[in-house]
PDB file of N, CA and C in Angstrom:
ATOM      1  N   UNK A   1     -15.170 -10.111 -16.711  1.00  0.00           N
ATOM      2  CA  UNK A   1     -15.051 -10.522 -18.205  1.00  0.00           C
ATOM      3  C   UNK A   1     -13.390 -10.184 -18.039  1.00  0.00           C
ATOM      4  N   UNK A   2     -12.602 -11.197 -18.732  1.00  0.00           N
ATOM      5  CA  UNK A   2     -11.123 -11.033 -19.049  1.00  0.00           C
ATOM      6  C   UNK A   2     -11.172 -10.841 -20.449  1.00  0.00           C
ATOM      7  N   UNK A   3     -10.433  -9.718 -21.022  1.00  0.00           N
ATOM      8  CA  UNK A   3     -10.137  -9.476 -22.263  1.00  0.00           C
ATOM      9  C   UNK A   3      -8.502  -9.379 -22.580  1.00  0.00           C
ATOM     10  N   UNK A   4      -7.771 -10.181 -21.627  1.00  0.00           N
ATOM     11  CA  UNK A   4      -6.291 -10.267 -22.080  1.00  0.00           C
ATOM     12  C   UNK A   4      -6.316 -11.546 -22.838  1.00  0.00           C
ATOM     13  N   UNK A   5      -5.420 -11.371 -23.968  1.00  0.00           N
ATOM     14  CA  UNK A   5      -5.497 -12.493 -25.025  1.00  0.00           C
ATOM     15  C   UNK A   5      -4.619 -13.623 -24.454  1.00  0.00           C
ATOM     16  N   UNK A   6      -3.793 -13.431 -23.626  1.00  0.00           N
ATOM     17  CA  UNK A   6      -2.952 -14.229 -23.045  1.00  0.00           C
ATOM     18  C   UNK A   6      -3.660 -15.386 -22.359  1.00  0.00           C
ATOM     19  N   UNK A   7      -3.213 -16.500 -22.124  1.00  0.00           N
ATOM     20  CA  UNK A   7      -3.904 -17.575 -21.407  1.00  0.00           C
ATOM     21  C   UNK A   7      -3.555 -17.308 -19.883  1.00  0.00           C
ATOM     22  N   UNK A   8      -4.709 -17.471 -19.329  1.00  0.00           N
ATOM     23  CA  UNK A   8      -4.905 -17.295 -17.644  1.00  0.00           C
ATOM     24  C   UNK A   8      -4.268 -18.649 -17.022  1.00  0.00           C
ATOM     25  N   UNK A   9      -3.257 -18.442 -15.925  1.00  0.00           N
ATOM     26  CA  UNK A   9      -3.052 -19.665 -15.115  1.00  0.00           C
ATOM     27  C   UNK A   9      -4.206 -20.026 -14.313  1.00  0.00           C
ATOM     28  N   UNK A  10      -3.965 -21.642 -14.099  1.00  0.00           N
ATOM     29  CA  UNK A  10      -5.132 -22.207 -13.228  1.00  0.00           C
ATOM     30  C   UNK A  10      -5.227 -21.549 -11.826  1.00  0.00           C
ATOM     31  N   UNK A  11      -3.997 -21.105 -11.351  1.00  0.00           N
ATOM     32  CA  UNK A  11      -4.140 -20.432 -10.026  1.00  0.00           C
ATOM     33  C   UNK A  11      -4.973 -19.105 -10.231  1.00  0.00           C
ATOM     34  N   UNK A  12      -4.520 -18.286 -11.096  1.00  0.00           N
ATOM     35  CA  UNK A  12      -5.163 -17.101 -11.071  1.00  0.00           C
ATOM     36  C   UNK A  12      -6.743 -17.301 -11.562  1.00  0.00           C
ATOM     37  N   UNK A  13      -7.137 -17.980 -12.350  1.00  0.00           N
ATOM     38  CA  UNK A  13      -8.633 -18.409 -12.572  1.00  0.00           C
ATOM     39  C   UNK A  13      -9.340 -18.670 -11.248  1.00  0.00           C
ATOM     40  N   UNK A  14      -8.655 -19.726 -10.444  1.00  0.00           N
ATOM     41  CA  UNK A  14      -9.167 -20.147  -9.272  1.00  0.00           C
ATOM     42  C   UNK A  14      -9.500 -18.830  -8.308  1.00  0.00           C
ATOM     43  N   UNK A  15      -8.359 -18.042  -7.972  1.00  0.00           N
ATOM     44  CA  UNK A  15      -8.477 -16.950  -7.515  1.00  0.00           C
ATOM     45  C   UNK A  15      -9.640 -15.876  -7.953  1.00  0.00           C
ATOM     46  N   UNK A  16      -9.862 -15.856  -9.085  1.00  0.00           N
ATOM     47  CA  UNK A  16     -10.747 -14.864  -9.646  1.00  0.00           C
ATOM     48  C   UNK A  16     -12.158 -15.469  -9.342  1.00  0.00           C
ATOM     49  N   UNK A  17     -12.284 -16.868  -9.589  1.00  0.00           N
ATOM     50  CA  UNK A  17     -13.599 -17.370  -9.139  1.00  0.00           C
ATOM     51  C   UNK A  17     -14.244 -17.524  -8.062  1.00  0.00           C
ATOM     52  N   UNK A  18     -13.145 -17.576  -6.934  1.00  0.00           N
ATOM     53  CA  UNK A  18     -13.712 -17.793  -5.620  1.00  0.00           C
ATOM     54  C   UNK A  18     -14.391 -16.484  -5.296  1.00  0.00           C
ATOM     55  N   UNK A  19     -14.183 -15.226  -5.975  1.00  0.00           N
ATOM     56  CA  UNK A  19     -14.798 -14.134  -5.594  1.00  0.00           C
ATOM     57  C   UNK A  19     -16.033 -13.625  -6.529  1.00  0.00           C
ATOM     58  N   UNK A  20     -16.542 -14.873  -7.321  1.00  0.00           N
ATOM     59  CA  UNK A  20     -17.755 -14.752  -7.936  1.00  0.00           C
ATOM     60  C   UNK A  20     -18.742 -16.091  -7.595  1.00  0.00           C
ATOM     61  N   UNK A  21     -20.066 -15.865  -8.280  1.00  0.00           N
ATOM     62  CA  UNK A  21     -20.597 -17.082  -8.432  1.00  0.00           C
ATOM     63  C   UNK A  21     -21.190 -17.872  -9.518  1.00  0.00           C
ATOM     64  N   UNK A  22     -20.452 -17.411 -10.519  1.00  0.00           N
ATOM     65  CA  UNK A  22     -20.689 -17.865 -11.871  1.00  0.00           C
ATOM     66  C   UNK A  22     -19.186 -17.863 -12.701  1.00  0.00           C
ATOM     67  N   UNK A  23     -19.182 -19.032 -13.495  1.00  0.00           N
ATOM     68  CA  UNK A  23     -18.192 -19.345 -14.370  1.00  0.00           C
ATOM     69  C   UNK A  23     -18.536 -19.482 -15.841  1.00  0.00           C
ATOM     70  N   UNK A  24     -18.367 -18.893 -16.798  1.00  0.00           N
ATOM     71  CA  UNK A  24     -18.760 -19.446 -18.259  1.00  0.00           C
ATOM     72  C   UNK A  24     -17.495 -19.418 -18.764  1.00  0.00           C
ATOM     73  N   UNK A  25     -17.311 -20.753 -19.459  1.00  0.00           N
ATOM     74  CA  UNK A  25     -16.081 -20.927 -20.048  1.00  0.00           C
ATOM     75  C   UNK A  25     -16.263 -21.330 -21.583  1.00  0.00           C
ATOM     76  N   UNK A  26     -15.610 -20.444 -22.467  1.00  0.00           N
ATOM     77  CA  UNK A  26     -15.827 -20.159 -23.774  1.00  0.00           C
ATOM     78  C   UNK A  26     -15.098 -21.497 -24.693  1.00  0.00           C
ATOM     79  N   UNK A  27     -13.942 -21.654 -24.449  1.00  0.00           N
ATOM     80  CA  UNK A  27     -13.103 -22.757 -25.221  1.00  0.00           C
ATOM     81  C   UNK A  27     -12.331 -23.947 -24.466  1.00  0.00           C
ATOM     82  N   UNK A  28     -11.487 -23.190 -23.641  1.00  0.00           N
ATOM     83  CA  UNK A  28     -10.301 -24.281 -22.974  1.00  0.00           C
ATOM     84  C   UNK A  28     -10.840 -25.067 -22.108  1.00  0.00           C
ATOM     85  N   UNK A  29     -10.622 -26.432 -22.052  1.00  0.00           N
ATOM     86  CA  UNK A  29     -10.974 -27.387 -20.903  1.00  0.00           C
ATOM     87  C   UNK A  29     -10.361 -27.191 -19.477  1.00  0.00           C
ATOM     88  N   UNK A  30     -11.147 -27.382 -18.742  1.00  0.00           N
ATOM     89  CA  UNK A  30     -10.867 -26.921 -17.206  1.00  0.00           C
ATOM     90  C   UNK A  30     -10.729 -28.373 -16.388  1.00  0.00           C
ATOM     91  N   UNK A  31      -9.686 -28.377 -15.669  1.00  0.00           N
ATOM     92  CA  UNK A  31      -9.267 -29.712 -15.060  1.00  0.00           C
ATOM     93  C   UNK A  31     -10.254 -29.931 -13.774  1.00  0.00           C
ATOM     94  N   UNK A  32     -10.326 -30.953 -13.348  1.00  0.00           N
ATOM     95  CA  UNK A  32     -11.106 -31.423 -12.279  1.00  0.00           C
ATOM     96  C   UNK A  32     -10.522 -30.567 -10.688  1.00  0.00           C
ATOM     97  N   UNK A  33      -9.211 -30.328 -10.673  1.00  0.00           N
ATOM     98  CA  UNK A  33      -9.174 -29.816  -9.384  1.00  0.00           C
ATOM     99  C   UNK A  33      -9.542 -28.457  -9.401  1.00  0.00           C
ATOM    100  N   UNK A  34      -9.947 -27.630 -10.458  1.00  0.00           N
ATOM    101  CA  UNK A  34     -10.495 -26.258 -10.560  1.00  0.00           C
ATOM    102  C   UNK A  34     -11.920 -26.411  -9.688  1.00  0.00           C
ATOM    103  N   UNK A  35     -12.669 -27.306 -10.147  1.00  0.00           N
ATOM    104  CA  UNK A  35     -14.121 -27.478  -9.448  1.00  0.00           C
ATOM    105  C   UNK A  35     -13.867 -28.173  -8.118  1.00  0.00           C
ATOM    106  N   UNK A  36     -12.740 -28.508  -7.520  1.00  0.00           N
ATOM    107  CA  UNK A  36     -12.791 -28.791  -5.923  1.00  0.00           C
ATOM    108  C   UNK A  36     -12.362 -27.324  -5.368  1.00  0.00           C
ATOM    109  N   UNK A  37     -11.628 -26.664  -6.040  1.00  0.00           N
ATOM    110  CA  UNK A  37     -11.378 -25.366  -5.259  1.00  0.00           C
ATOM    111  C   UNK A  37     -12.318 -24.241  -5.340  1.00  0.00           C
ATOM    112  N   UNK A  38     -13.370 -24.209  -6.287  1.00  0.00           N
ATOM    113  CA  UNK A  38     -14.402 -23.396  -6.295  1.00  0.00           C
ATOM    114  C   UNK A  38     -15.682 -23.759  -6.089  1.00  0.00           C
ATOM    115  N   UNK A  39     -15.991 -24.413  -5.014  1.00  0.00           N
ATOM    116  CA  UNK A  39     -17.145 -25.144  -4.530  1.00  0.00           C
ATOM    117  C   UNK A  39     -18.451 -24.026  -4.555  1.00  0.00           C
ATOM    118  N   UNK A  40     -17.949 -22.768  -4.549  1.00  0.00           N
ATOM    119  CA  UNK A  40     -19.386 -21.974  -4.552  1.00  0.00           C
ATOM    120  C   UNK A  40     -20.077 -21.346  -5.490  1.00  0.00           C
ATOM    121  N   UNK A  41     -19.334 -21.794  -6.731  1.00  0.00           N
ATOM    122  CA  UNK A  41     -20.087 -21.156  -7.804  1.00  0.00           C
ATOM    123  C   UNK A  41     -21.549 -21.886  -7.931  1.00  0.00           C
ATOM    124  N   UNK A  42     -22.437 -21.218  -8.524  1.00  0.00           N
ATOM    125  CA  UNK A  42     -23.703 -21.394  -8.540  1.00  0.00           C
ATOM    126  C   UNK A  42     -24.118 -21.853  -9.970  1.00  0.00           C
ATOM    127  N   UNK A  43     -23.479 -21.184 -10.769  1.00  0.00           N
ATOM    128  CA  UNK A  43     -23.524 -21.199 -12.312  1.00  0.00           C
ATOM    129  C   UNK A  43     -22.162 -21.894 -12.839  1.00  0.00           C
ATOM    130  N   UNK A  44     -22.329 -22.895 -13.639  1.00  0.00           N
ATOM    131  CA  UNK A  44     -20.882 -23.198 -14.326  1.00  0.00           C
ATOM    132  C   UNK A  44     -21.636 -23.598 -15.865  1.00  0.00           C
ATOM    133  N   UNK A  45     -21.037 -22.960 -16.665  1.00  0.00           N
ATOM    134  CA  UNK A  45     -21.226 -23.272 -18.045  1.00  0.00           C
ATOM    135  C   UNK A  45     -20.332 -23.381 -18.981  1.00  0.00           C
ATOM    136  N   UNK A  46     -20.073 -24.509 -19.631  1.00  0.00           N
ATOM    137  CA  UNK A  46     -19.068 -24.623 -20.613  1.00  0.00           C
ATOM    138  C   UNK A  46     -19.363 -24.903 -21.925  1.00  0.00           C
ATOM    139  N   UNK A  47     -18.561 -24.785 -22.919  1.00  0.00           N
ATOM    140  CA  UNK A  47     -18.668 -24.864 -24.340  1.00  0.00           C
ATOM    141  C   UNK A  47     -19.973 -24.004 -24.655  1.00  0.00           C
ATOM    142  N   UNK A  48     -19.799 -22.654 -24.263  1.00  0.00           N
ATOM    143  CA  UNK A  48     -20.944 -21.651 -24.551  1.00  0.00           C
ATOM    144  C   UNK A  48     -21.080 -21.429 -26.003  1.00  0.00           C
ATOM    145  N   UNK A  49     -20.185 -21.962 -26.949  1.00  0.00           N
ATOM    146  CA  UNK A  49     -20.455 -21.663 -28.122  1.00  0.00           C
ATOM    147  C   UNK A  49     -21.435 -22.400 -28.983  1.00  0.00           C
ATOM    148  N   UNK A  50     -22.063 -23.372 -28.093  1.00  0.00           N
ATOM    149  CA  UNK A  50     -23.395 -23.813 -28.627  1.00  0.00           C
ATOM    150  C   UNK A  50     -24.581 -22.755 -28.142  1.00  0.00           C
ATOM    151  N   UNK A  51     -25.501 -22.962 -29.157  1.00  0.00           N
ATOM    152  CA  UNK A  51     -26.477 -21.813 -29.132  1.00  0.00           C
ATOM    153  C   UNK A  51     -27.360 -22.145 -27.862  1.00  0.00           C
ATOM    154  N   UNK A  52     -27.691 -23.213 -27.613  1.00  0.00           N
ATOM    155  CA  UNK A  52     -28.763 -23.588 -26.379  1.00  0.00           C
ATOM    156  C   UNK A  52     -27.861 -22.949 -25.184  1.00  0.00           C
ATOM    157  N   UNK A  53     -26.887 -23.288 -24.878  1.00  0.00           N
ATOM    158  CA  UNK A  53     -26.146 -22.618 -23.686  1.00  0.00           C
ATOM    159  C   UNK A  53     -26.095 -21.528 -23.622  1.00  0.00           C
ATOM    160  N   UNK A  54     -25.549 -20.840 -24.890  1.00  0.00           N
ATOM    161  CA  UNK A  54     -25.536 -19.234 -24.983  1.00  0.00           C
ATOM    162  C   UNK A  54     -26.782 -18.559 -24.570  1.00  0.00           C
ATOM    163  N   UNK A  55     -27.975 -19.295 -24.904  1.00  0.00           N
ATOM    164  CA  UNK A  55     -29.344 -18.643 -24.925  1.00  0.00           C
ATOM    165  C   UNK A  55     -29.566 -18.968 -23.295  1.00  0.00           C
ATOM    166  N   UNK A  56     -29.382 -20.058 -22.561  1.00  0.00           N
ATOM    167  CA  UNK A  56     -29.471 -19.883 -21.200  1.00  0.00           C
ATOM    168  C   UNK A  56     -28.816 -19.012 -20.510  1.00  0.00           C
ATOM    169  N   UNK A  57     -27.415 -18.798 -20.663  1.00  0.00           N
ATOM    170  CA  UNK A  57     -26.597 -18.045 -20.206  1.00  0.00           C
ATOM    171  C   UNK A  57     -26.838 -16.626 -20.160  1.00  0.00           C
ATOM    172  N   UNK A  58     -27.483 -16.114 -21.179  1.00  0.00           N
ATOM    173  CA  UNK A  58     -27.859 -14.866 -21.470  1.00  0.00           C
ATOM    174  C   UNK A  58     -28.919 -14.455 -20.709  1.00  0.00           C
ATOM    175  N   UNK A  59     -30.260 -15.786 -20.562  1.00  0.00           N
ATOM    176  CA  UNK A  59     -31.312 -15.486 -19.947  1.00  0.00           C
ATOM    177  C   UNK A  59     -31.109 -15.378 -18.307  1.00  0.00           C
ATOM    178  N   UNK A  60     -30.119 -16.193 -17.910  1.00  0.00           N
ATOM    179  CA  UNK A  60     -29.657 -15.946 -16.584  1.00  0.00           C
ATOM    180  C   UNK A  60     -29.096 -14.554 -16.341  1.00  0.00           C
ATOM    181  N   UNK A  61     -28.287 -14.207 -17.041  1.00  0.00           N
ATOM    182  CA  UNK A  61     -27.922 -12.790 -16.817  1.00  0.00           C
ATOM    183  C   UNK A  61     -28.973 -11.602 -17.030  1.00  0.00           C
ATOM    184  N   UNK A  62     -29.962 -11.613 -17.613  1.00  0.00           N
ATOM    185  CA  UNK A  62     -31.086 -10.805 -17.947  1.00  0.00           C
ATOM    186  C   UNK A  62     -31.958 -11.118 -16.441  1.00  0.00           C
ATOM    187  N   UNK A  63     -32.134 -12.215 -16.012  1.00  0.00           N
ATOM    188  CA  UNK A  63     -32.884 -12.168 -14.706  1.00  0.00           C
ATOM    189  C   UNK A  63     -32.108 -11.598 -13.781  1.00  0.00           C
ATOM    190  N   UNK A  64     -30.839 -11.781 -13.480  1.00  0.00           N
ATOM    191  CA  UNK A  64     -29.937 -11.259 -12.501  1.00  0.00           C
ATOM    192  C   UNK A  64     -29.977  -9.787 -12.480  1.00  0.00           C
ATOM    193  N   UNK A  65     -30.038  -9.032 -13.685  1.00  0.00           N
ATOM    194  CA  UNK A  65     -30.063  -7.595 -13.994  1.00  0.00           C
ATOM    195  C   UNK A  65     -31.388  -7.126 -13.547  1.00  0.00           C
ATOM    196  N   UNK A  66     -32.395  -7.923 -13.806  1.00  0.00           N
ATOM    197  CA  UNK A  66     -33.837  -7.469 -13.618  1.00  0.00           C
ATOM    198  C   UNK A  66     -34.029  -7.372 -12.062  1.00  0.00           C
ATOM    199  N   UNK A  67     -33.464  -8.272 -11.497  1.00  0.00           N
ATOM    200  CA  UNK A  67     -33.602  -8.553  -9.937  1.00  0.00           C
ATOM    201  C   UNK A  67     -32.938  -7.451  -9.036  1.00  0.00           C
ATOM    202  N   UNK A  68     -31.579  -7.039  -9.810  1.00  0.00           N
ATOM    203  CA  UNK A  68     -30.799  -6.061  -9.420  1.00  0.00           C
ATOM    204  C   UNK A  68     -31.660  -4.564  -9.392  1.00  0.00           C
ATOM    205  N   UNK A  69     -32.172  -4.572 -10.549  1.00  0.00           N
ATOM    206  CA  UNK A  69     -32.994  -3.224 -10.871  1.00  0.00           C
ATOM    207  C   UNK A  69     -34.156  -3.208  -9.871  1.00  0.00           C
ATOM    208  N   UNK A  70     -34.811  -4.031  -9.767  1.00  0.00           N
ATOM    209  CA  UNK A  70     -35.927  -3.991  -8.786  1.00  0.00           C
ATOM    210  C   UNK A  70     -35.382  -3.655  -7.240  1.00  0.00           C
ATOM    211  N   UNK A  71     -34.243  -4.277  -7.010  1.00  0.00           N
ATOM    212  CA  UNK A  71     -33.703  -3.901  -5.604  1.00  0.00           C
ATOM    213  C   UNK A  71     -33.503  -2.471  -5.566  1.00  0.00           C
ATOM    214  N   UNK A  72     -32.790  -2.125  -6.663  1.00  0.00           N
ATOM    215  CA  UNK A  72     -32.137  -0.475  -6.554  1.00  0.00           C
ATOM    216  C   UNK A  72     -33.489   0.420  -6.388  1.00  0.00           C
ATOM    217  N   UNK A  73     -34.807   0.048  -7.232  1.00  0.00           N
ATOM    218  CA  UNK A  73     -36.054   0.862  -7.254  1.00  0.00           C
ATOM    219  C   UNK A  73     -36.402   0.698  -5.883  1.00  0.00           C
ATOM    220  N   UNK A  74     -36.168  -0.225  -5.117  1.00  0.00           N
ATOM    221  CA  UNK A  74     -36.887  -0.117  -3.566  1.00  0.00           C
ATOM    222  C   UNK A  74     -36.007   0.876  -2.665  1.00  0.00           C
ATOM    223  N   UNK A  75     -34.740   1.110  -2.997  1.00  0.00           N
ATOM    224  CA  UNK A  75     -34.103   1.889  -2.017  1.00  0.00           C
ATOM    225  C   UNK A  75     -34.495   3.497  -2.185  1.00  0.00           C
TER     226      UNK A  75
END
């Protein structure tokens, strides 16, 4: 999660997203070149200001945390 109020450059965004499997965009449009660079993303959610998409994103995060908890419990 990025908390810096200044806009992120496209290069910095691509570099950060190459290290993750999900991207949730809140407001700004993303150019097509972004998606050509970060092909490993499994979850891409844009316009999360709509309630339905926000609910789905939250459910996905809950599912991931539940699986992580089960894995840790097996250790």
